C-alpha atoms as a PDB file:
ATOM      1  CA  MET A   1     -40.912   9.858  45.521  1.00  0.00           C
ATOM      2  CA  ALA A   2     -37.587  10.540  43.754  1.00  0.00           C
ATOM      3  CA  SER A   3     -35.009  12.144  45.833  1.00  0.00           C
ATOM      4  CA  GLY A   4     -33.858  16.124  46.046  1.00  0.00           C
ATOM      5  CA  GLY A   5     -30.554  14.378  44.289  1.00  0.00           C
ATOM      6  CA  THR A   6     -32.723  12.207  41.067  1.00  0.00           C
ATOM      7  CA  LEU A   7     -34.564  15.020  40.509  1.00  0.00           C
ATOM      8  CA  LEU A   8     -32.106  17.742  39.952  1.00  0.00           C
ATOM      9  CA  PHE A   9     -29.789  14.572  38.066  1.00  0.00           C
ATOM     10  CA  ILE A  10     -32.715  14.548  35.620  1.00  0.00           C
ATOM     11  CA  PHE A  11     -33.584  17.965  35.061  1.00  0.00           C
ATOM     12  CA  THR A  12     -29.997  18.780  34.233  1.00  0.00           C
ATOM     13  CA  ALA A  13     -29.950  16.052  31.575  1.00  0.00           C
ATOM     14  CA  LEU A  14     -32.808  16.732  30.000  1.00  0.00           C
ATOM     15  CA  CYS A  15     -31.284  20.717  29.608  1.00  0.00           C
ATOM     16  CA  VAL A  16     -28.483  19.545  27.888  1.00  0.00           C
ATOM     17  CA  THR A  17     -30.464  16.967  25.744  1.00  0.00           C
ATOM     18  CA  ALA A  18     -32.082  20.347  24.815  1.00  0.00           C
ATOM     19  CA  VAL A  19     -28.958  22.274  24.363  1.00  0.00           C
ATOM     20  CA  LYS A  20     -27.549  19.953  22.198  1.00  0.00           C
ATOM     21  CA  ARG A  21     -30.322  19.973  19.806  1.00  0.00           C
ATOM     22  CA  PHE A  22     -29.434  23.736  19.599  1.00  0.00           C
ATOM     23  CA  VAL A  23     -25.575  22.895  17.245  1.00  0.00           C
ATOM     24  CA  LYS A  24     -25.077  20.598  14.567  1.00  0.00           C
ATOM     25  CA  VAL A  25     -21.823  19.577  12.638  1.00  0.00           C
ATOM     26  CA  GLU A  26     -22.795  18.623   9.039  1.00  0.00           C
ATOM     27  CA  CYS A  27     -19.896  17.044   7.032  1.00  0.00           C
ATOM     28  CA  LYS A  28     -20.268  15.910   3.467  1.00  0.00           C
ATOM     29  CA  ALA A  29     -19.914  12.337   3.864  1.00  0.00           C
ATOM     30  CA  GLU A  30     -17.615  11.277   1.078  1.00  0.00           C
ATOM     31  CA  ASN A  31     -14.905  13.067  -0.349  1.00  0.00           C
ATOM     32  CA  VAL A  32     -12.250  12.860  -2.874  1.00  0.00           C
ATOM     33  CA  GLY A  33      -8.303  13.637  -2.730  1.00  0.00           C
ATOM     34  CA  GLN A  34      -6.014  13.386  -5.308  1.00  0.00           C
ATOM     35  CA  TYR A  35      -2.813  12.256  -4.504  1.00  0.00           C
ATOM     36  CA  GLY A  36       0.295  15.254  -4.433  1.00  0.00           C
ATOM     37  CA  GLN A  37      -2.607  17.591  -4.333  1.00  0.00           C
ATOM     38  CA  GLN A  38      -4.736  19.723  -1.401  1.00  0.00           C
ATOM     39  CA  SER A  39      -7.616  17.802  -0.148  1.00  0.00           C
ATOM     40  CA  LEU A  40     -10.699  19.467   1.777  1.00  0.00           C
ATOM     41  CA  LEU A  41     -13.141  17.771   3.696  1.00  0.00           C
ATOM     42  CA  GLU A  42     -16.026  20.151   4.811  1.00  0.00           C
ATOM     43  CA  CYS A  43     -17.975  20.669   7.846  1.00  0.00           C
ATOM     44  CA  VAL A  44     -19.578  23.619   9.164  1.00  0.00           C
ATOM     45  CA  ILE A  45     -21.802  24.052  12.455  1.00  0.00           C
ATOM     46  CA  LYS A  46     -25.141  24.792  12.475  1.00  0.00           C
ATOM     47  CA  THR A  47     -27.091  26.202  14.748  1.00  0.00           C
ATOM     48  CA  SER A  48     -31.078  26.775  15.690  1.00  0.00           C
ATOM     49  CA  THR A  49     -32.454  30.340  15.139  1.00  0.00           C
ATOM     50  CA  ASP A  50     -32.687  30.829  18.862  1.00  0.00           C
ATOM     51  CA  ILE A  51     -28.769  30.665  19.545  1.00  0.00           C
ATOM     52  CA  LYS A  52     -27.635  34.528  18.976  1.00  0.00           C
ATOM     53  CA  ASP A  53     -23.500  34.743  18.114  1.00  0.00           C
ATOM     54  CA  PRO A  54     -22.402  31.286  19.053  1.00  0.00           C
ATOM     55  CA  THR A  55     -18.997  30.859  20.131  1.00  0.00           C
ATOM     56  CA  ILE A  56     -16.551  27.735  19.626  1.00  0.00           C
ATOM     57  CA  ARG A  57     -14.776  26.724  22.604  1.00  0.00           C
ATOM     58  CA  THR A  58     -13.090  23.686  21.319  1.00  0.00           C
ATOM     59  CA  VAL A  59     -12.292  21.582  17.789  1.00  0.00           C
ATOM     60  CA  ALA A  60     -10.915  18.433  17.496  1.00  0.00           C
ATOM     61  CA  TRP A  61     -10.311  16.857  13.988  1.00  0.00           C
ATOM     62  CA  LYS A  62      -9.254  13.299  14.673  1.00  0.00           C
ATOM     63  CA  LYS A  63      -7.917  10.213  12.006  1.00  0.00           C
ATOM     64  CA  LEU A  64      -9.555   7.573  12.925  1.00  0.00           C
ATOM     65  CA  THR A  65      -8.184   3.619  12.145  1.00  0.00           C
ATOM     66  CA  SER A  66     -11.465   1.611  13.186  1.00  0.00           C
ATOM     67  CA  PRO A  67     -14.952   3.054  13.767  1.00  0.00           C
ATOM     68  CA  GLU A  68     -13.975   2.260  17.874  1.00  0.00           C
ATOM     69  CA  ASP A  69     -10.765   4.033  17.454  1.00  0.00           C
ATOM     70  CA  GLU A  70     -10.601   7.022  19.782  1.00  0.00           C
ATOM     71  CA  GLY A  71      -8.457   8.459  16.595  1.00  0.00           C
ATOM     72  CA  ASP A  72      -5.004  10.226  15.990  1.00  0.00           C
ATOM     73  CA  PRO A  73      -5.511  14.391  16.935  1.00  0.00           C
ATOM     74  CA  VAL A  74      -4.545  16.296  13.411  1.00  0.00           C
ATOM     75  CA  LEU A  75      -6.071  19.636  13.975  1.00  0.00           C
ATOM     76  CA  GLY A  76      -7.520  20.959  17.555  1.00  0.00           C
ATOM     77  CA  PHE A  77      -8.706  24.472  18.641  1.00  0.00           C
ATOM     78  CA  ASN A  78      -9.221  24.403  22.745  1.00  0.00           C
ATOM     79  CA  ARG A  79      -9.795  27.966  25.047  1.00  0.00           C
ATOM     80  CA  TRP A  80      -9.304  29.810  22.079  1.00  0.00           C
ATOM     81  CA  LYS A  81      -5.842  28.785  21.516  1.00  0.00           C
ATOM     82  CA  LEU A  82      -5.066  26.030  18.162  1.00  0.00           C
ATOM     83  CA  ASP A  83      -2.727  23.886  19.180  1.00  0.00           C
ATOM     84  CA  ARG A  84       0.630  22.742  17.247  1.00  0.00           C
ATOM     85  CA  PRO A  85      -1.685  20.537  14.124  1.00  0.00           C
ATOM     86  CA  LYS A  86       0.175  17.695  12.802  1.00  0.00           C
ATOM     87  CA  ARG A  87       2.471  18.714   9.276  1.00  0.00           C
ATOM     88  CA  GLY A  88       0.077  18.995   6.152  1.00  0.00           C
ATOM     89  CA  TYR A  89      -3.320  19.720   8.149  1.00  0.00           C
ATOM     90  CA  ARG A  90      -5.403  23.351   8.979  1.00  0.00           C
ATOM     91  CA  PHE A  91      -8.585  24.824   8.657  1.00  0.00           C
ATOM     92  CA  ALA A  92      -9.441  25.352   5.160  1.00  0.00           C
ATOM     93  CA  GLU A  93      -9.863  29.304   5.948  1.00  0.00           C
ATOM     94  CA  PRO A  94      -6.513  30.878   6.770  1.00  0.00           C
ATOM     95  CA  SER A  95      -8.369  33.605   9.159  1.00  0.00           C
ATOM     96  CA  TRP A  96     -10.662  30.988  10.783  1.00  0.00           C
ATOM     97  CA  ASP A  97     -10.996  31.743  14.706  1.00  0.00           C
ATOM     98  CA  GLU A  98     -14.033  30.961  17.561  1.00  0.00           C
ATOM     99  CA  LYS A  99     -16.797  32.878  15.640  1.00  0.00           C
ATOM    100  CA  ASN A 100     -16.125  31.426  12.247  1.00  0.00           C
ATOM    101  CA  MET A 101     -18.889  27.948  11.855  1.00  0.00           C
ATOM    102  CA  ASN A 102     -16.940  26.676   8.709  1.00  0.00           C
ATOM    103  CA  VAL A 103     -14.886  24.106  10.670  1.00  0.00           C
ATOM    104  CA  SER A 104     -13.464  22.225   7.178  1.00  0.00           C
ATOM    105  CA  LEU A 105     -10.110  20.736   7.420  1.00  0.00           C
ATOM    106  CA  LEU A 106      -7.548  21.171   4.401  1.00  0.00           C
ATOM    107  CA  ILE A 107      -4.721  18.635   3.758  1.00  0.00           C
ATOM    108  CA  THR A 108      -1.981  20.340   1.872  1.00  0.00           C
ATOM    109  CA  ASN A 109      -0.299  17.611   0.767  1.00  0.00           C
ATOM    110  CA  THR A 110      -2.315  14.495   0.325  1.00  0.00           C
ATOM    111  CA  ALA A 111      -0.481  11.136   0.103  1.00  0.00           C
ATOM    112  CA  VAL A 112      -2.111   7.183   0.679  1.00  0.00           C
ATOM    113  CA  ALA A 113      -1.781   7.660   4.825  1.00  0.00           C
ATOM    114  CA  ASP A 114      -4.333  10.040   4.666  1.00  0.00           C
ATOM    115  CA  ASP A 115      -7.182   7.706   3.227  1.00  0.00           C
ATOM    116  CA  GLY A 116     -10.114   6.875   5.489  1.00  0.00           C
ATOM    117  CA  ASP A 117     -12.231   8.516   8.298  1.00  0.00           C
ATOM    118  CA  TYR A 118     -11.988  11.804  10.485  1.00  0.00           C
ATOM    119  CA  LYS A 119     -14.274  12.408  12.976  1.00  0.00           C
ATOM    120  CA  CYS A 120     -14.689  16.811  13.841  1.00  0.00           C
ATOM    121  CA  MET A 121     -15.717  17.338  17.234  1.00  0.00           C
ATOM    122  CA  VAL A 122     -16.997  20.742  18.566  1.00  0.00           C
ATOM    123  CA  ILE A 123     -18.201  22.172  21.651  1.00  0.00           C
ATOM    124  CA  THR A 124     -19.387  25.514  21.798  1.00  0.00           C
ATOM    125  CA  ASP A 125     -20.935  27.780  24.132  1.00  0.00           C
ATOM    126  CA  SER A 126     -24.598  26.740  23.097  1.00  0.00           C
ATOM    127  CA  GLY A 127     -24.193  22.771  23.198  1.00  0.00           C
ATOM    128  CA  ASP A 128     -21.337  19.776  21.506  1.00  0.00           C
ATOM    129  CA  ASP A 129     -21.975  17.417  18.614  1.00  0.00           C
ATOM    130  CA  SER A 130     -19.407  15.467  16.243  1.00  0.00           C
ATOM    131  CA  MET A 131     -19.966  13.943  13.032  1.00  0.00           C
ATOM    132  CA  VAL A 132     -17.595  11.312  11.283  1.00  0.00           C
ATOM    133  CA  THR A 133     -16.410  11.693   7.165  1.00  0.00           C
ATOM    134  CA  ASN A 134     -14.291   9.615   5.166  1.00  0.00           C
ATOM    135  CA  LEU A 135     -11.250  11.064   2.167  1.00  0.00           C
ATOM    136  CA  GLU A 136     -11.064   8.263  -0.541  1.00  0.00           C
ATOM    137  CA  VAL A 137      -7.241   8.924  -1.709  1.00  0.00           C
ATOM    138  CA  GLN A 138      -6.754   8.833  -5.661  1.00  0.00           C
ATOM    139  CA  ALA A 139      -3.613   8.004  -7.821  1.00  0.00           C
ATOM    140  CA  ARG A 140      -3.936   8.289 -11.710  1.00  0.00           C
ATOM    141  CA  TYR A 141      -1.736   5.355 -12.928  1.00  0.00           C
ATOM    142  CA  SER A 142       1.396   6.595 -15.068  1.00  0.00           C
ATOM    143  CA  ILE A 143       1.494   5.766 -18.681  1.00  0.00           C
ATOM    144  CA  LEU A 144       2.590   2.328 -19.539  1.00  0.00           C
ATOM    145  CA  THR A 145       5.408   0.393 -20.888  1.00  0.00           C
ATOM    146  CA  VAL A 146       4.895  -2.252 -22.537  1.00  0.00           C
ATOM    147  CA  TYR A 147       7.972  -4.852 -23.698  1.00  0.00           C
ATOM    148  CA  SER A 148       9.424  -8.510 -24.917  1.00  0.00           C
ATOM    149  CA  ILE A 149      11.089 -11.216 -23.625  1.00  0.00           C
ATOM    150  CA  PRO A 150      13.243 -12.024 -25.378  1.00  0.00           C
ATOM    151  CA  GLU A 151      13.707  -8.480 -26.740  1.00  0.00           C
ATOM    152  CA  LYS A 152      13.696  -9.693 -30.660  1.00  0.00           C
ATOM    153  CA  ILE A 153      11.052 -12.668 -30.759  1.00  0.00           C
ATOM    154  CA  VAL A 154      11.659 -15.432 -32.696  1.00  0.00           C
ATOM    155  CA  PRO A 155       8.710 -17.070 -34.780  1.00  0.00           C
ATOM    156  CA  ASN A 156       6.955 -20.186 -34.229  1.00  0.00           C
ATOM    157  CA  SER A 157       8.847 -20.024 -30.421  1.00  0.00           C
ATOM    158  CA  GLU A 158       7.263 -19.368 -27.344  1.00  0.00           C
ATOM    159  CA  SER A 159       7.416 -15.541 -26.211  1.00  0.00           C
ATOM    160  CA  THR A 160       5.926 -12.863 -23.539  1.00  0.00           C
ATOM    161  CA  LEU A 161       4.619  -9.325 -23.289  1.00  0.00           C
ATOM    162  CA  ILE A 162       5.108  -7.726 -20.537  1.00  0.00           C
ATOM    163  CA  CYS A 163       3.286  -4.402 -19.226  1.00  0.00           C
ATOM    164  CA  GLU A 164       3.862  -2.324 -16.701  1.00  0.00           C
ATOM    165  CA  SER A 165       1.846   0.985 -14.656  1.00  0.00           C
ATOM    166  CA  ARG A 166       3.083   2.500 -11.969  1.00  0.00           C
ATOM    167  CA  GLY A 167       2.054   5.350  -9.405  1.00  0.00           C
ATOM    168  CA  GLY A 168      -1.675   4.360  -9.107  1.00  0.00           C
ATOM    169  CA  TYR A 169      -3.752   4.495  -6.230  1.00  0.00           C
ATOM    170  CA  PRO A 170      -6.154   2.281  -5.030  1.00  0.00           C
ATOM    171  CA  LYS A 171      -5.357  -1.062  -6.435  1.00  0.00           C
ATOM    172  CA  GLY A 172      -6.061  -1.503 -10.596  1.00  0.00           C
ATOM    173  CA  THR A 173      -5.854  -3.936 -13.120  1.00  0.00           C
ATOM    174  CA  ILE A 174      -4.556  -4.687 -16.382  1.00  0.00           C
ATOM    175  CA  ARG A 175      -6.131  -6.103 -19.446  1.00  0.00           C
ATOM    176  CA  TRP A 176      -4.848  -7.616 -22.263  1.00  0.00           C
ATOM    177  CA  PHE A 177      -6.779  -7.643 -26.042  1.00  0.00           C
ATOM    178  CA  ASP A 178      -6.038  -8.632 -29.785  1.00  0.00           C
ATOM    179  CA  GLU A 179      -6.169  -6.669 -32.897  1.00  0.00           C
ATOM    180  CA  GLU A 180      -9.493  -8.381 -32.790  1.00  0.00           C
ATOM    181  CA  LYS A 181     -11.059  -7.129 -29.659  1.00  0.00           C
ATOM    182  CA  HIS A 182     -10.594 -10.157 -28.250  1.00  0.00           C
ATOM    183  CA  ASP A 183      -9.890 -10.441 -24.478  1.00  0.00           C
ATOM    184  CA  TRP A 184      -7.026 -11.926 -23.472  1.00  0.00           C
ATOM    185  CA  THR A 185      -6.584 -11.680 -19.890  1.00  0.00           C
ATOM    186  CA  GLY A 186      -7.665 -14.473 -18.502  1.00  0.00           C
ATOM    187  CA  SER A 187      -4.660 -16.200 -20.466  1.00  0.00           C
ATOM    188  CA  SER A 188      -2.329 -13.395 -18.344  1.00  0.00           C
ATOM    189  CA  GLU A 189      -1.202 -12.783 -14.834  1.00  0.00           C
ATOM    190  CA  MET A 190      -0.854  -9.520 -12.831  1.00  0.00           C
ATOM    191  CA  GLU A 191       1.676  -8.612 -10.369  1.00  0.00           C
ATOM    192  CA  VAL A 192       0.884  -6.267  -7.658  1.00  0.00           C
ATOM    193  CA  THR A 193       3.769  -4.380  -5.289  1.00  0.00           C
ATOM    194  CA  GLN A 194       3.136  -1.603  -3.374  1.00  0.00           C
ATOM    195  CA  SER A 195       5.880   1.106  -2.511  1.00  0.00           C
ATOM    196  CA  ASP A 196       7.107   2.969   0.702  1.00  0.00           C
ATOM    197  CA  ASP A 197       4.333   5.383  -0.180  1.00  0.00           C
ATOM    198  CA  GLY A 198       1.343   3.600  -0.544  1.00  0.00           C
ATOM    199  CA  LEU A 199       1.154   3.446  -4.088  1.00  0.00           C
ATOM    200  CA  PHE A 200       0.779   0.956  -6.512  1.00  0.00           C
ATOM    201  CA  GLN A 201       3.130  -0.501  -9.299  1.00  0.00           C
ATOM    202  CA  LEU A 202       0.621  -3.498 -11.649  1.00  0.00           C
ATOM    203  CA  THR A 203       3.090  -5.808 -13.764  1.00  0.00           C
ATOM    204  CA  GLY A 204       0.967  -7.845 -16.576  1.00  0.00           C
ATOM    205  CA  ARG A 205       1.806 -10.776 -17.785  1.00  0.00           C
ATOM    206  CA  LEU A 206       0.803 -12.367 -21.333  1.00  0.00           C
ATOM    207  CA  PRO A 207       2.349 -15.530 -22.710  1.00  0.00           C
ATOM    208  CA  LEU A 208       2.110 -15.684 -26.530  1.00  0.00           C
ATOM    209  CA  PHE A 209       2.348 -19.316 -27.651  1.00  0.00           C
ATOM    210  CA  ARG A 210       3.215 -20.959 -31.101  1.00  0.00           C
ATOM    211  CA  GLY A 211       0.736 -20.776 -34.086  1.00  0.00           C
ATOM    212  CA  SER A 212      -1.240 -18.235 -31.835  1.00  0.00           C
ATOM    213  CA  THR A 213       0.435 -14.252 -32.161  1.00  0.00           C
ATOM    214  CA  PHE A 214      -1.333 -11.668 -33.494  1.00  0.00           C
ATOM    215  CA  GLN A 215       0.190  -8.701 -35.286  1.00  0.00           C
ATOM    216  CA  ARG A 216      -0.929  -6.186 -32.923  1.00  0.00           C
ATOM    217  CA  TYR A 217      -1.822  -6.224 -28.625  1.00  0.00           C
ATOM    218  CA  THR A 218      -3.354  -4.035 -26.783  1.00  0.00           C
ATOM    219  CA  CYS A 219      -2.477  -3.228 -22.939  1.00  0.00           C
ATOM    220  CA  VAL A 220      -5.079  -1.328 -21.167  1.00  0.00           C
ATOM    221  CA  VAL A 221      -4.985  -0.023 -17.322  1.00  0.00           C
ATOM    222  CA  LEU A 222      -8.333   0.265 -15.514  1.00  0.00           C
ATOM    223  CA  ASN A 223      -8.609   1.821 -11.868  1.00  0.00           C
ATOM    224  CA  ALA A 224      -9.702   0.276  -8.632  1.00  0.00           C
ATOM    225  CA  SER A 225     -13.955   1.798 -10.221  1.00  0.00           C
ATOM    226  CA  GLY A 226     -12.884   0.096 -13.343  1.00  0.00           C
ATOM    227  CA  VAL A 227     -12.519   2.904 -15.383  1.00  0.00           C
ATOM    228  CA  LYS A 228      -9.975   3.000 -18.358  1.00  0.00           C
ATOM    229  CA  GLU A 229      -6.421   5.173 -16.899  1.00  0.00           C
ATOM    230  CA  ASP A 230      -4.764   4.709 -20.078  1.00  0.00           C
ATOM    231  CA  GLU A 231      -3.457   2.160 -22.705  1.00  0.00           C
ATOM    232  CA  ILE A 232      -0.854   1.502 -25.562  1.00  0.00           C
ATOM    233  CA  ILE A 233      -0.665  -0.865 -28.462  1.00  0.00           C
ATOM    234  CA  PHE A 234       2.814  -3.925 -28.903  1.00  0.00           C
ATOM    235  CA  GLU A 235       3.013  -4.294 -32.822  1.00  0.00           C
ATOM    236  CA  ILE A 236       4.689  -7.535 -33.835  1.00  0.00           C
ATOM    237  CA  SER A 237       7.071  -7.915 -36.844  1.00  0.00           C
ATOM    238  CA  LEU A 238       4.754  -7.965 -39.811  1.00  0.00           C
ATOM    239  CA  PHE A 239       6.240 -10.848 -40.947  1.00  0.00           C
ATOM    240  CA  PHE A 240       4.927 -12.944 -38.028  1.00  0.00           C
ATOM    241  CA  SER A 241       2.174 -13.353 -40.432  1.00  0.00           C
ATOM    242  CA  VAL A 242       3.503 -16.390 -41.837  1.00  0.00           C
ATOM    243  CA  VAL A 243       4.433 -18.579 -38.985  1.00  0.00           C
ATOM    244  CA  GLY A 244       3.490 -21.852 -39.224  1.00  0.00           C
ATOM    245  CA  GLN A 245       2.959 -22.118 -43.180  1.00  0.00           C
ATOM    246  CA  GLY A 246       6.033 -23.002 -44.878  1.00  0.00           C
ATOM    247  CA  PRO A 247       9.975 -22.389 -43.954  1.00  0.00           C
ATOM    248  CA  GLU A 248      11.133 -20.276 -41.314  1.00  0.00           C
ATOM    249  CA  PRO A 249      11.769 -16.553 -42.255  1.00  0.00           C
ATOM    250  CA  ILE A 250      15.577 -16.913 -42.006  1.00  0.00           C
ATOM    251  CA  GLU A 251      15.585 -20.135 -43.935  1.00  0.00           C
ATOM    252  CA  ILE A 252      13.604 -18.103 -46.472  1.00  0.00           C
ATOM    253  CA  CYS A 253      16.289 -15.024 -46.770  1.00  0.00           C
ATOM    254  CA  LYS A 254      19.270 -17.718 -46.741  1.00  0.00           C
ATOM    255  CA  ILE A 255      17.319 -19.505 -50.451  1.00  0.00           C
ATOM    256  CA  VAL A 256      16.883 -15.704 -51.510  1.00  0.00           C
ATOM    257  CA  VAL A 257      20.927 -14.959 -51.253  1.00  0.00           C
ATOM    258  CA  ARG A 258      21.498 -18.216 -52.422  1.00  0.00           C
ATOM    259  CA  LEU A 259      19.152 -17.750 -55.947  1.00  0.00           C
ATOM    260  CA  VAL A 260      20.621 -13.832 -55.597  1.00  0.00           C
ATOM    261  CA  VAL A 261      24.445 -15.186 -55.935  1.00  0.00           C
ATOM    262  CA  THR A 262      23.894 -17.911 -58.621  1.00  0.00           C
ATOM    263  CA  GLY A 263      21.916 -15.385 -60.926  1.00  0.00           C
ATOM    264  CA  SER A 264      24.618 -13.131 -60.256  1.00  0.00           C
ATOM    265  CA  LEU A 265      27.095 -15.567 -61.960  1.00  0.00           C
ATOM    266  CA  MET A 266      25.044 -17.071 -64.216  1.00  0.00           C
ATOM    267  CA  VAL A 267      24.159 -13.818 -66.254  1.00  0.00           C
ATOM    268  CA  GLY A 268      28.061 -13.131 -64.939  1.00  0.00           C
ATOM    269  CA  LEU A 269      29.374 -16.183 -67.359  1.00  0.00           C
ATOM    270  CA  LEU A 270      26.210 -15.413 -70.166  1.00  0.00           C
ATOM    271  CA  CYS A 271      27.983 -11.748 -70.783  1.00  0.00           C
ATOM    272  CA  VAL A 272      31.727 -13.329 -70.688  1.00  0.00           C
ATOM    273  CA  LEU A 273      30.119 -16.321 -73.445  1.00  0.00           C
ATOM    274  CA  LEU A 274      28.843 -13.510 -75.332  1.00  0.00           C
ATOM    275  CA  PHE A 275      31.556 -11.224 -75.175  1.00  0.00           C
ATOM    276  CA  TYR A 276      34.088 -14.167 -76.708  1.00  0.00           C
ATOM    277  CA  ARG A 277      31.983 -14.959 -79.536  1.00  0.00           C
ATOM    278  CA  TRP A 278      31.261 -11.292 -80.938  1.00  0.00           C
ATOM    279  CA  ARG A 279      34.830 -10.793 -80.874  1.00  0.00           C
ATOM    280  CA  ALA A 280      35.495 -14.228 -82.670  1.00  0.00           C
ATOM    281  CA  GLN A 281      32.790 -13.071 -85.404  1.00  0.00           C
ATOM    282  CA  ARG A 282      34.816 -10.151 -85.389  1.00  0.00           C
ATOM    283  CA  GLU A 283      38.010 -11.710 -86.101  1.00  0.00           C
ATOM    284  CA  TYR A 284      36.378 -13.795 -88.881  1.00  0.00           C
ATOM    285  CA  ALA A 285      34.796 -10.993 -90.681  1.00  0.00           C
ATOM    286  CA  PHE A 286      38.537  -9.383 -90.424  1.00  0.00           C
ATOM    287  CA  LEU A 287      40.187 -12.464 -91.831  1.00  0.00           C
ATOM    288  CA  VAL A 288      37.708 -12.783 -94.490  1.00  0.00           C
ATOM    289  CA  SER A 289      38.318  -9.016 -95.490  1.00  0.00           C
ATOM    290  CA  LEU A 290      41.889  -9.428 -96.216  1.00  0.00           C
ATOM    291  CA  ILE A 291      40.728 -12.473 -98.609  1.00  0.00           C
END
């Protein structure tokens, strides 16, 4: 036969379990926050109809680094007193108190470091519960810039197009297309760097080889979900269309200049000859008139 202490322990455990069933923390599982803006992690306390006028004794919001981690406290309420919150965190409702079942967390200025899992733990006078919710931080990549190395591309020589995009998160990708929509990304290289604020800079390099240059190329930046966020077109001078088809443009220019100079000299010489011929005819006519 079980002892009195054992029976008391079992009875107490059953009572606590029963009480817990009356209180539940419900949170939106996935949340998206934009870098530099406010982010909301929605959590509310639900109680059964048997609970009348519940009172919150403790609320603890923690940022988790792993599922097993106890977390870093960012906002807390204990024994009718609001703990000093971590900078940038507060309850979503400014007038929140122990009777307010909306315990949503507001992040006032979202940073990359805010990305991750959060745990909301609640203790009321009718039971306690906790739940984990996730915040995915996103930042849009800035307007792209494209330039070439060398700056002035010489025909029939190798060069490189460089496309840069900054200020995005999570890590995105850069893709290249020619004017006929052919994908040249496989021939390119992409470098990824992360700044102190956690944002990414993407640098794509597309080599241009002799005889394979199109008139224009398009650089496209995609976010982590593969959605296009921006694009820019790099125009190459029209004279590149004659690359590999006869003399280089510089030689053509030299030939044209020589022809122009030679033609001008010939026209000038012809004018001089015509002038002297006209003058000689006038003088001959004058002498004939004297006779």
